N, C-alpha and C. Protein backbone atom coordinates (compact mmCIF):
# COMPACT_ATOMS: atom_id res chain seq x y z
N MET A 1 -78.69 26.31 -27.50
CA MET A 1 -78.88 28.00 -27.99
C MET A 1 -80.00 28.47 -29.17
N THR A 2 -80.67 29.45 -28.40
CA THR A 2 -82.26 29.95 -29.20
C THR A 2 -81.24 31.30 -30.15
N PRO A 3 -82.06 31.41 -31.49
CA PRO A 3 -81.42 31.95 -31.90
C PRO A 3 -81.64 33.69 -31.72
N SER A 4 -82.57 34.09 -30.57
CA SER A 4 -82.81 34.85 -29.68
C SER A 4 -81.29 35.48 -28.92
N GLN A 5 -81.46 33.65 -28.61
CA GLN A 5 -80.08 34.05 -26.78
C GLN A 5 -78.54 34.45 -28.34
N LEU A 6 -78.50 33.80 -29.27
CA LEU A 6 -77.18 33.61 -30.18
C LEU A 6 -77.10 35.39 -30.57
N GLU A 7 -78.45 36.03 -30.91
CA GLU A 7 -78.15 37.47 -30.86
C GLU A 7 -77.91 38.12 -29.99
N ALA A 8 -78.56 37.90 -28.75
CA ALA A 8 -78.08 38.33 -27.49
C ALA A 8 -76.78 38.91 -27.28
N LEU A 9 -76.48 37.78 -27.03
CA LEU A 9 -75.09 36.71 -27.18
C LEU A 9 -74.06 37.47 -28.74
N TYR A 10 -74.33 38.23 -29.52
CA TYR A 10 -73.20 38.81 -30.44
C TYR A 10 -73.66 40.27 -30.31
N ARG A 11 -74.88 40.45 -29.83
CA ARG A 11 -74.92 42.01 -30.08
C ARG A 11 -74.23 42.37 -29.09
N ARG A 12 -74.40 42.06 -27.32
CA ARG A 12 -72.87 42.20 -26.33
C ARG A 12 -71.79 41.79 -26.41
N TYR A 13 -71.35 40.73 -27.11
CA TYR A 13 -70.27 40.78 -26.97
C TYR A 13 -69.16 40.66 -28.36
N GLY A 14 -70.22 40.52 -29.79
CA GLY A 14 -69.68 40.64 -31.10
C GLY A 14 -68.26 41.56 -31.15
N SER A 15 -68.05 42.92 -29.92
CA SER A 15 -67.27 43.96 -31.10
C SER A 15 -65.82 43.79 -29.66
N LEU A 16 -65.96 42.42 -28.74
CA LEU A 16 -65.27 42.06 -27.72
C LEU A 16 -64.22 41.20 -28.79
N VAL A 17 -64.89 40.31 -29.23
CA VAL A 17 -64.66 39.16 -30.18
C VAL A 17 -63.68 39.80 -31.30
N LEU A 18 -64.82 40.80 -32.17
CA LEU A 18 -63.41 41.73 -33.58
C LEU A 18 -62.46 41.80 -32.42
N ARG A 19 -62.43 42.91 -31.02
CA ARG A 19 -60.82 43.74 -30.65
C ARG A 19 -60.17 42.54 -30.79
N ARG A 20 -60.64 41.22 -29.78
CA ARG A 20 -59.17 40.55 -29.43
C ARG A 20 -58.52 39.93 -31.02
N ALA A 21 -59.78 39.89 -31.69
CA ALA A 21 -58.96 39.12 -33.37
C ALA A 21 -58.32 39.92 -33.52
N ARG A 22 -58.36 41.04 -33.49
CA ARG A 22 -57.67 42.22 -34.20
C ARG A 22 -56.65 41.99 -33.89
N SER A 23 -56.73 42.29 -32.43
CA SER A 23 -55.04 42.25 -31.68
C SER A 23 -53.99 40.94 -31.58
N ILE A 24 -54.63 39.78 -32.05
CA ILE A 24 -53.85 39.30 -32.21
C ILE A 24 -53.38 39.34 -33.79
N LEU A 25 -54.67 39.08 -34.62
CA LEU A 25 -54.00 38.89 -36.06
C LEU A 25 -53.95 40.10 -36.83
N GLY A 26 -53.38 40.84 -36.46
CA GLY A 26 -53.57 42.36 -37.11
C GLY A 26 -54.02 43.19 -37.99
N SER A 27 -55.33 42.57 -38.32
CA SER A 27 -55.40 42.52 -39.68
C SER A 27 -57.27 42.60 -39.63
N ASP A 28 -57.85 43.66 -40.21
CA ASP A 28 -59.37 43.98 -39.78
C ASP A 28 -60.06 43.08 -40.71
N ASP A 29 -59.78 42.58 -42.15
CA ASP A 29 -59.89 41.82 -42.74
C ASP A 29 -60.38 40.29 -41.77
N LEU A 30 -59.28 39.70 -41.51
CA LEU A 30 -58.91 38.36 -41.07
C LEU A 30 -60.00 38.11 -39.58
N ALA A 31 -60.20 39.45 -38.29
CA ALA A 31 -60.42 39.32 -37.34
C ALA A 31 -61.80 39.77 -37.38
N ASN A 32 -62.48 40.57 -39.35
CA ASN A 32 -63.80 39.44 -39.39
C ASN A 32 -64.46 38.28 -40.09
N ASP A 33 -63.27 37.84 -40.39
CA ASP A 33 -63.77 36.63 -40.37
C ASP A 33 -63.62 35.90 -39.65
N LEU A 34 -63.04 36.06 -39.23
CA LEU A 34 -62.28 35.13 -37.49
C LEU A 34 -63.99 35.38 -35.96
N MET A 35 -64.39 36.76 -36.81
CA MET A 35 -65.31 37.28 -35.85
C MET A 35 -66.67 35.70 -36.65
N GLN A 36 -66.81 35.45 -37.81
CA GLN A 36 -67.74 34.71 -38.36
C GLN A 36 -67.81 33.63 -37.39
N GLU A 37 -66.15 32.90 -37.68
CA GLU A 37 -65.92 31.89 -36.76
C GLU A 37 -66.51 31.14 -35.67
N VAL A 38 -65.97 32.75 -35.06
CA VAL A 38 -66.32 31.94 -33.01
C VAL A 38 -68.22 31.92 -33.26
N PHE A 39 -68.81 32.64 -33.81
CA PHE A 39 -70.01 32.89 -33.39
C PHE A 39 -70.87 31.10 -34.52
N LEU A 40 -70.09 31.05 -35.61
CA LEU A 40 -70.24 30.02 -35.66
C LEU A 40 -70.10 28.41 -35.45
N ARG A 41 -69.02 28.52 -34.20
CA ARG A 41 -68.74 28.13 -33.54
C ARG A 41 -70.14 27.87 -32.86
N VAL A 42 -70.26 29.06 -31.78
CA VAL A 42 -71.37 28.56 -30.91
C VAL A 42 -72.74 27.92 -31.15
N ILE A 43 -72.64 28.87 -32.37
CA ILE A 43 -74.03 28.07 -33.00
C ILE A 43 -73.93 26.62 -33.09
N ARG A 44 -73.08 25.79 -33.48
CA ARG A 44 -72.94 24.48 -33.36
C ARG A 44 -72.64 24.16 -31.94
N ARG A 45 -71.76 24.57 -31.18
CA ARG A 45 -71.73 23.86 -29.63
C ARG A 45 -71.75 24.86 -28.71
N GLY A 46 -72.67 25.80 -29.04
CA GLY A 46 -73.56 26.10 -27.81
C GLY A 46 -73.82 25.27 -26.29
N ASP A 47 -74.06 24.41 -26.71
CA ASP A 47 -75.04 23.69 -25.71
C ASP A 47 -73.60 22.95 -25.09
N SER A 48 -72.43 23.18 -25.74
CA SER A 48 -70.79 23.35 -24.47
C SER A 48 -70.39 24.12 -23.53
N PHE A 49 -71.69 25.10 -23.47
CA PHE A 49 -70.89 26.61 -22.58
C PHE A 49 -71.73 25.93 -21.00
N ARG A 50 -71.15 25.82 -19.98
CA ARG A 50 -71.85 24.89 -18.84
C ARG A 50 -72.15 25.81 -17.82
N GLY A 51 -71.42 27.64 -18.27
CA GLY A 51 -71.62 28.13 -16.68
C GLY A 51 -70.72 28.91 -16.12
N ASP A 52 -69.63 27.89 -16.06
CA ASP A 52 -68.39 28.08 -15.19
C ASP A 52 -68.12 28.86 -14.98
N ALA A 53 -67.54 29.33 -16.51
CA ALA A 53 -67.25 30.86 -16.80
C ALA A 53 -68.38 31.93 -17.58
N SER A 54 -68.39 33.46 -16.76
CA SER A 54 -68.77 34.46 -17.66
C SER A 54 -69.15 34.27 -19.66
N PRO A 55 -70.15 34.29 -20.47
CA PRO A 55 -69.81 34.41 -21.28
C PRO A 55 -69.23 34.66 -22.20
N SER A 56 -68.66 36.19 -21.34
CA SER A 56 -67.21 37.21 -22.31
C SER A 56 -66.15 36.05 -22.17
N THR A 57 -65.76 35.71 -21.10
CA THR A 57 -64.78 34.06 -20.82
C THR A 57 -64.51 33.00 -21.70
N TRP A 58 -65.95 32.79 -22.35
CA TRP A 58 -66.41 31.80 -23.02
C TRP A 58 -65.53 32.33 -23.80
N LEU A 59 -65.83 33.20 -24.33
CA LEU A 59 -65.95 33.87 -25.76
C LEU A 59 -64.31 33.95 -26.12
N TYR A 60 -63.69 35.05 -25.24
CA TYR A 60 -62.11 35.39 -25.08
C TYR A 60 -62.03 33.88 -25.92
N ARG A 61 -61.82 32.76 -24.65
CA ARG A 61 -61.20 32.04 -24.86
C ARG A 61 -61.31 31.04 -26.17
N ILE A 62 -62.71 31.13 -27.04
CA ILE A 62 -62.96 30.45 -28.69
C ILE A 62 -62.19 31.35 -29.04
N THR A 63 -61.82 32.79 -28.82
CA THR A 63 -61.31 33.50 -29.93
C THR A 63 -59.75 33.69 -30.25
N THR A 64 -59.55 33.33 -28.53
CA THR A 64 -57.78 32.96 -29.04
C THR A 64 -57.48 32.04 -29.76
N ASN A 65 -58.13 30.77 -29.00
CA ASN A 65 -58.10 29.26 -29.53
C ASN A 65 -57.97 29.31 -31.76
N LEU A 66 -59.19 29.91 -31.85
CA LEU A 66 -59.03 30.39 -33.28
C LEU A 66 -58.09 30.91 -34.06
N CYS A 67 -57.84 32.33 -33.14
CA CYS A 67 -56.25 33.03 -33.63
C CYS A 67 -55.49 31.82 -33.90
N LEU A 68 -55.00 31.43 -32.70
CA LEU A 68 -53.75 30.71 -33.26
C LEU A 68 -53.95 29.81 -33.42
N ASN A 69 -54.99 28.83 -33.99
CA ASN A 69 -55.06 28.16 -35.09
C ASN A 69 -55.14 28.82 -36.47
N ARG A 70 -55.36 29.45 -36.42
CA ARG A 70 -55.54 30.83 -37.83
C ARG A 70 -54.32 31.19 -38.53
N LEU A 71 -53.14 31.01 -37.44
CA LEU A 71 -51.99 31.80 -37.29
C LEU A 71 -51.42 30.26 -37.38
N ARG A 72 -51.47 29.53 -37.24
CA ARG A 72 -50.44 28.11 -37.21
C ARG A 72 -50.65 27.59 -38.98
N ASP A 73 -52.17 27.60 -39.23
CA ASP A 73 -52.56 27.79 -40.80
C ASP A 73 -52.22 28.51 -41.52
N GLU A 74 -51.90 29.46 -41.70
CA GLU A 74 -51.32 30.74 -42.32
C GLU A 74 -49.67 30.19 -42.79
N LYS A 75 -49.12 29.59 -41.13
CA LYS A 75 -47.83 29.43 -41.07
C LYS A 75 -47.81 28.20 -42.12
N ARG A 76 -48.05 27.33 -42.08
CA ARG A 76 -48.21 26.44 -43.09
C ARG A 76 -48.01 26.39 -44.12
N ARG A 77 -48.98 27.71 -45.01
CA ARG A 77 -49.66 27.79 -46.22
C ARG A 77 -48.33 28.74 -46.65
N HIS A 78 -47.51 29.45 -45.84
CA HIS A 78 -46.83 30.64 -46.48
C HIS A 78 -45.43 30.35 -45.03
N LEU A 79 -44.80 28.94 -45.58
CA LEU A 79 -43.77 28.45 -45.03
C LEU A 79 -42.46 29.27 -45.53
N LYS A 80 -41.95 29.03 -47.38
CA LYS A 80 -41.37 30.07 -47.52
C LYS A 80 -41.53 31.65 -46.64
N LEU A 81 -42.16 32.05 -46.94
CA LEU A 81 -42.01 33.65 -46.64
C LEU A 81 -41.75 34.29 -45.47
N VAL A 82 -42.16 33.20 -44.07
CA VAL A 82 -41.53 32.86 -43.12
C VAL A 82 -40.10 32.36 -43.15
N ALA A 83 -39.56 31.95 -43.96
CA ALA A 83 -38.40 31.44 -44.25
C ALA A 83 -37.17 32.46 -45.20
N GLN A 84 -38.19 33.40 -45.77
CA GLN A 84 -37.00 34.36 -46.52
C GLN A 84 -37.59 35.48 -45.26
N HIS A 85 -38.24 35.75 -44.34
CA HIS A 85 -38.08 36.94 -42.97
C HIS A 85 -37.12 36.09 -42.48
N THR A 86 -36.46 34.81 -42.03
CA THR A 86 -35.88 34.91 -40.98
C THR A 86 -34.78 35.16 -41.65
N SER A 87 -34.45 35.02 -42.77
CA SER A 87 -32.47 34.56 -43.69
C SER A 87 -32.62 36.47 -43.64
N SER A 88 -33.60 37.40 -44.11
CA SER A 88 -33.18 38.69 -44.27
C SER A 88 -33.60 39.62 -42.79
N ALA A 89 -34.50 39.55 -42.27
CA ALA A 89 -34.36 39.96 -40.61
C ALA A 89 -33.10 39.76 -39.67
N SER A 90 -32.41 38.21 -40.04
CA SER A 90 -31.00 38.78 -39.23
C SER A 90 -30.47 39.38 -39.25
N THR A 91 -29.88 40.50 -40.58
CA THR A 91 -28.68 41.24 -40.22
C THR A 91 -29.66 42.69 -40.00
N GLU A 92 -31.11 42.93 -40.18
CA GLU A 92 -31.56 43.96 -39.94
C GLU A 92 -31.66 44.84 -39.00
N LYS A 93 -31.91 45.62 -38.69
CA LYS A 93 -32.11 46.20 -36.99
C LYS A 93 -33.66 45.71 -36.77
N LYS A 94 -34.22 45.57 -35.68
CA LYS A 94 -35.86 45.38 -35.41
C LYS A 94 -35.87 46.35 -35.27
N GLY A 95 -37.42 47.11 -35.92
CA GLY A 95 -38.63 47.56 -35.98
C GLY A 95 -39.74 47.33 -36.00
N GLY A 96 -40.92 48.09 -35.07
CA GLY A 96 -41.97 48.06 -34.67
C GLY A 96 -42.42 46.38 -35.85
N GLN A 97 -42.52 46.85 -37.09
CA GLN A 97 -43.36 46.03 -37.72
C GLN A 97 -42.68 44.74 -38.06
N ASP A 98 -41.22 44.39 -37.97
CA ASP A 98 -40.20 43.43 -37.97
C ASP A 98 -40.73 42.64 -36.21
N LEU A 99 -40.79 42.81 -35.62
CA LEU A 99 -40.58 42.51 -34.23
C LEU A 99 -42.60 41.74 -34.08
N ARG A 100 -43.79 42.45 -34.60
CA ARG A 100 -45.10 41.75 -34.84
C ARG A 100 -45.13 40.37 -35.61
N ILE A 101 -44.27 40.64 -36.73
CA ILE A 101 -43.74 39.69 -37.50
C ILE A 101 -42.96 38.52 -36.70
N ASP A 102 -42.33 38.97 -35.80
CA ASP A 102 -41.02 37.41 -35.16
C ASP A 102 -42.39 37.17 -34.19
N LEU A 103 -43.30 38.35 -33.36
CA LEU A 103 -43.90 37.67 -32.55
C LEU A 103 -45.13 37.03 -33.11
N ARG A 104 -45.64 36.90 -34.50
CA ARG A 104 -46.77 36.15 -34.90
C ARG A 104 -45.72 34.71 -35.39
N ARG A 105 -44.32 35.02 -35.21
CA ARG A 105 -43.73 33.73 -35.98
C ARG A 105 -43.76 32.50 -34.53
N LEU A 106 -43.67 33.44 -33.66
CA LEU A 106 -43.10 32.90 -32.46
C LEU A 106 -44.50 31.74 -32.09
N LEU A 107 -45.58 32.22 -31.71
CA LEU A 107 -46.91 32.06 -31.60
C LEU A 107 -47.16 30.91 -32.93
N GLU A 108 -46.91 30.88 -34.08
CA GLU A 108 -47.13 30.11 -34.99
C GLU A 108 -46.18 29.01 -34.70
N GLU A 109 -44.59 28.28 -34.31
CA GLU A 109 -43.63 28.17 -33.59
C GLU A 109 -44.17 27.25 -32.66
N LEU A 110 -44.46 27.89 -31.31
CA LEU A 110 -44.27 27.66 -30.28
C LEU A 110 -46.43 26.42 -29.91
N PRO A 111 -46.32 25.66 -29.33
CA PRO A 111 -46.87 25.09 -28.94
C PRO A 111 -48.03 25.49 -28.10
N LYS A 112 -49.12 25.95 -28.08
CA LYS A 112 -50.60 26.51 -28.41
C LYS A 112 -51.17 26.58 -26.91
N GLU A 113 -50.62 25.73 -25.91
CA GLU A 113 -50.58 26.26 -24.47
C GLU A 113 -49.87 27.29 -23.71
N LEU A 114 -48.21 27.35 -24.84
CA LEU A 114 -47.49 28.27 -24.12
C LEU A 114 -47.90 29.89 -25.16
N SER A 115 -48.66 29.54 -26.35
CA SER A 115 -48.94 30.64 -27.18
C SER A 115 -49.92 31.25 -26.22
N GLU A 116 -51.22 29.94 -26.14
CA GLU A 116 -52.71 31.15 -25.08
C GLU A 116 -51.59 31.45 -23.86
N VAL A 117 -50.65 31.48 -22.97
CA VAL A 117 -50.77 31.77 -22.03
C VAL A 117 -49.67 33.39 -22.37
N ALA A 118 -48.57 32.88 -23.44
CA ALA A 118 -48.35 34.51 -23.62
C ALA A 118 -49.16 35.53 -24.19
N ILE A 119 -50.06 35.15 -24.82
CA ILE A 119 -51.23 36.03 -25.44
C ILE A 119 -51.43 36.73 -23.90
N TYR A 120 -51.83 35.87 -22.82
CA TYR A 120 -52.89 36.20 -22.20
C TYR A 120 -52.09 37.47 -21.39
N TYR A 121 -51.13 37.03 -21.11
CA TYR A 121 -49.81 37.35 -19.87
C TYR A 121 -49.00 38.89 -20.75
N HIS A 122 -48.48 38.59 -21.91
CA HIS A 122 -47.68 39.52 -22.11
C HIS A 122 -48.63 40.92 -23.16
N LEU A 123 -50.10 39.94 -23.78
CA LEU A 123 -50.98 41.24 -24.87
C LEU A 123 -51.56 41.60 -23.69
N ASP A 124 -52.38 40.86 -23.27
CA ASP A 124 -53.26 41.06 -22.65
C ASP A 124 -53.41 41.76 -21.56
N GLY A 125 -52.17 41.91 -20.53
CA GLY A 125 -51.63 42.15 -19.33
C GLY A 125 -52.75 41.45 -18.22
N MET A 126 -52.72 40.42 -18.31
CA MET A 126 -53.50 39.46 -17.20
C MET A 126 -52.63 39.15 -15.74
N ASP A 127 -52.35 38.40 -15.05
CA ASP A 127 -51.78 38.51 -14.25
C ASP A 127 -51.86 37.10 -13.93
N GLN A 128 -51.16 35.92 -13.59
CA GLN A 128 -51.17 34.11 -13.57
C GLN A 128 -52.06 34.22 -12.91
N LYS A 129 -52.65 34.39 -11.72
CA LYS A 129 -53.89 33.88 -11.08
C LYS A 129 -55.08 33.98 -12.24
N GLU A 130 -55.26 34.86 -12.89
CA GLU A 130 -56.47 35.80 -13.82
C GLU A 130 -56.44 34.40 -15.22
N ILE A 131 -54.81 34.20 -15.26
CA ILE A 131 -54.81 33.42 -16.49
C ILE A 131 -55.42 32.08 -16.46
N ALA A 132 -54.94 31.74 -15.07
CA ALA A 132 -54.94 30.18 -14.42
C ALA A 132 -56.50 29.91 -13.98
N GLU A 133 -57.38 31.17 -13.76
CA GLU A 133 -58.71 31.43 -14.07
C GLU A 133 -59.06 30.89 -15.13
N ILE A 134 -58.96 31.44 -15.75
CA ILE A 134 -59.39 31.06 -17.51
C ILE A 134 -59.30 29.90 -17.33
N LEU A 135 -57.83 29.45 -17.61
CA LEU A 135 -57.37 27.79 -18.29
C LEU A 135 -58.02 26.62 -17.31
N ALA A 136 -58.30 26.78 -16.52
CA ALA A 136 -58.76 25.84 -15.38
C ALA A 136 -57.50 25.31 -14.77
N VAL A 137 -56.34 26.27 -14.56
CA VAL A 137 -55.06 25.05 -14.60
C VAL A 137 -54.62 26.03 -13.03
N PRO A 138 -53.58 24.86 -12.30
CA PRO A 138 -52.74 26.05 -10.68
C PRO A 138 -52.43 27.46 -11.31
N ARG A 139 -52.25 28.40 -10.66
CA ARG A 139 -51.28 28.97 -10.91
C ARG A 139 -50.00 28.59 -11.61
N ARG A 140 -49.20 27.69 -10.69
CA ARG A 140 -47.81 27.24 -10.74
C ARG A 140 -47.84 27.24 -12.81
N THR A 141 -48.77 26.29 -12.65
CA THR A 141 -48.64 26.12 -13.73
C THR A 141 -48.61 27.05 -15.56
N ILE A 142 -49.17 27.89 -15.32
CA ILE A 142 -49.05 29.21 -15.55
C ILE A 142 -47.44 29.81 -15.60
N GLY A 143 -46.94 30.16 -14.46
CA GLY A 143 -45.40 30.53 -14.17
C GLY A 143 -44.54 29.66 -15.02
N HIS A 144 -44.87 28.64 -14.79
CA HIS A 144 -43.86 27.09 -16.01
C HIS A 144 -44.38 27.10 -16.92
N ARG A 145 -45.45 27.74 -17.63
CA ARG A 145 -45.43 27.83 -18.92
C ARG A 145 -45.04 29.59 -19.49
N LEU A 146 -44.73 30.61 -18.40
CA LEU A 146 -44.16 31.48 -18.91
C LEU A 146 -42.97 31.07 -19.10
N GLU A 147 -42.14 30.70 -18.14
CA GLU A 147 -41.28 30.43 -18.29
C GLU A 147 -40.44 30.00 -19.46
N ARG A 148 -41.27 28.90 -19.96
CA ARG A 148 -41.12 27.77 -20.88
C ARG A 148 -41.09 28.51 -22.31
N PHE A 149 -41.60 29.68 -22.46
CA PHE A 149 -42.32 30.44 -23.51
C PHE A 149 -40.74 31.44 -23.32
N ALA A 150 -40.77 32.05 -22.07
CA ALA A 150 -39.53 33.65 -22.21
C ALA A 150 -38.43 32.35 -22.61
N LYS A 151 -37.72 31.20 -22.62
CA LYS A 151 -36.64 30.51 -22.81
C LYS A 151 -36.82 30.17 -24.20
N LEU A 152 -37.90 29.51 -25.26
CA LEU A 152 -37.88 29.29 -26.72
C LEU A 152 -38.16 30.35 -27.24
N ALA A 153 -38.79 32.17 -26.68
CA ALA A 153 -38.84 32.95 -27.00
C ALA A 153 -37.22 33.50 -27.93
N LYS A 154 -36.35 33.28 -26.30
CA LYS A 154 -35.35 34.01 -26.74
C LYS A 154 -34.36 33.62 -27.50
N GLN A 155 -34.49 31.94 -27.66
CA GLN A 155 -33.80 30.92 -28.36
C GLN A 155 -34.34 31.50 -29.71
N LEU A 156 -35.54 31.26 -30.29
CA LEU A 156 -36.05 31.41 -31.23
C LEU A 156 -35.87 33.10 -31.66
N LEU A 157 -35.74 33.74 -30.78
CA LEU A 157 -35.01 35.53 -31.67
C LEU A 157 -33.51 35.37 -31.64
N GLN A 158 -32.98 34.66 -31.05
CA GLN A 158 -31.62 35.62 -30.70
C GLN A 158 -30.65 34.31 -31.61
N LYS A 159 -31.21 33.62 -32.95
CA LYS A 159 -30.21 33.36 -33.82
C LYS A 159 -29.54 32.09 -32.98
N GLU A 160 -30.98 31.09 -32.38
CA GLU A 160 -30.96 29.95 -31.92
C GLU A 160 -32.16 29.46 -32.05
N PRO A 161 -32.35 28.94 -33.22
CA PRO A 161 -33.63 28.38 -33.61
C PRO A 161 -33.87 26.81 -33.83
N GLN A 162 -32.41 26.13 -33.80
CA GLN A 162 -32.32 24.86 -33.64
C GLN A 162 -32.51 24.05 -32.28
N ALA A 163 -31.23 24.89 -30.88
CA ALA A 163 -31.80 24.23 -29.82
C ALA A 163 -33.14 24.16 -29.21
N ALA A 164 -34.09 25.70 -29.34
CA ALA A 164 -35.45 25.77 -29.87
C ALA A 164 -36.31 24.48 -30.40
N LEU A 165 -35.64 24.38 -31.62
CA LEU A 165 -37.16 23.73 -32.11
C LEU A 165 -36.44 22.23 -31.03
N ASP A 166 -35.38 21.74 -31.19
CA ASP A 166 -34.53 20.34 -30.50
C ASP A 166 -35.79 20.24 -29.27
N GLU A 167 -35.91 21.50 -28.29
CA GLU A 167 -36.70 21.44 -27.23
C GLU A 167 -38.19 21.58 -27.82
N LEU A 168 -38.34 21.66 -28.39
CA LEU A 168 -40.33 21.61 -29.10
C LEU A 168 -40.29 20.25 -29.40
N ARG A 169 -39.60 19.61 -29.90
CA ARG A 169 -39.75 18.43 -30.31
C ARG A 169 -39.63 17.01 -29.33
N ARG A 170 -38.83 17.52 -28.68
CA ARG A 170 -38.85 16.59 -26.80
C ARG A 170 -40.51 16.71 -26.20
N ALA A 171 -40.35 17.77 -26.52
CA ALA A 171 -41.88 18.58 -25.29
C ALA A 171 -43.15 17.77 -26.13
N GLN A 172 -43.09 17.41 -27.86
CA GLN A 172 -44.29 17.12 -28.67
C GLN A 172 -44.46 15.38 -27.97
N PRO A 173 -45.61 15.28 -27.49
CA PRO A 173 -46.42 13.37 -27.74
C PRO A 173 -45.62 12.85 -28.88
N GLU A 174 -45.32 11.65 -28.62
CA GLU A 174 -45.13 10.80 -30.19
C GLU A 174 -46.02 10.02 -30.18
N ALA A 175 -46.41 10.24 -32.17
CA ALA A 175 -47.43 9.63 -32.51
C ALA A 175 -47.37 8.32 -32.06
N PRO A 176 -48.56 7.24 -32.10
CA PRO A 176 -48.92 6.79 -31.92
C PRO A 176 -48.43 5.49 -33.10
């Protein structure tokens, strides 16, 4: 990718990337950092863009994946904070901020393919067909992932975390 192509991409889609990162991460500072990461990735891997989708779809997917990675990294660094929230939230009524923390916790806990579909469907309001096109999978796969997300989310949020964690462990491929 040439410098002029990169600049044009940044000028045209930078605000889209920033809005996307902000909506998932909930922080202007984190969103700005992540936007830089997205365009660094474009610099390093710009030749991987095959043109099968529009540049906005490509950048949207990169941004979503990097946001999910960031949330997972944050989880590892702040595991103690999450544990404290989980124990104190069990007796409190859920307010808007608590629900945002619960959503982040879900995205940190669940497999990437479920988190990604959930974000597209619940946060972005896309339908299953649109998500299937972005992810290049059958529409029915999206339906299955949304069902699985709903089941696991319910277990994690309704004080059944052990059942959800057991199911997640069963779904993980075994290490060689």
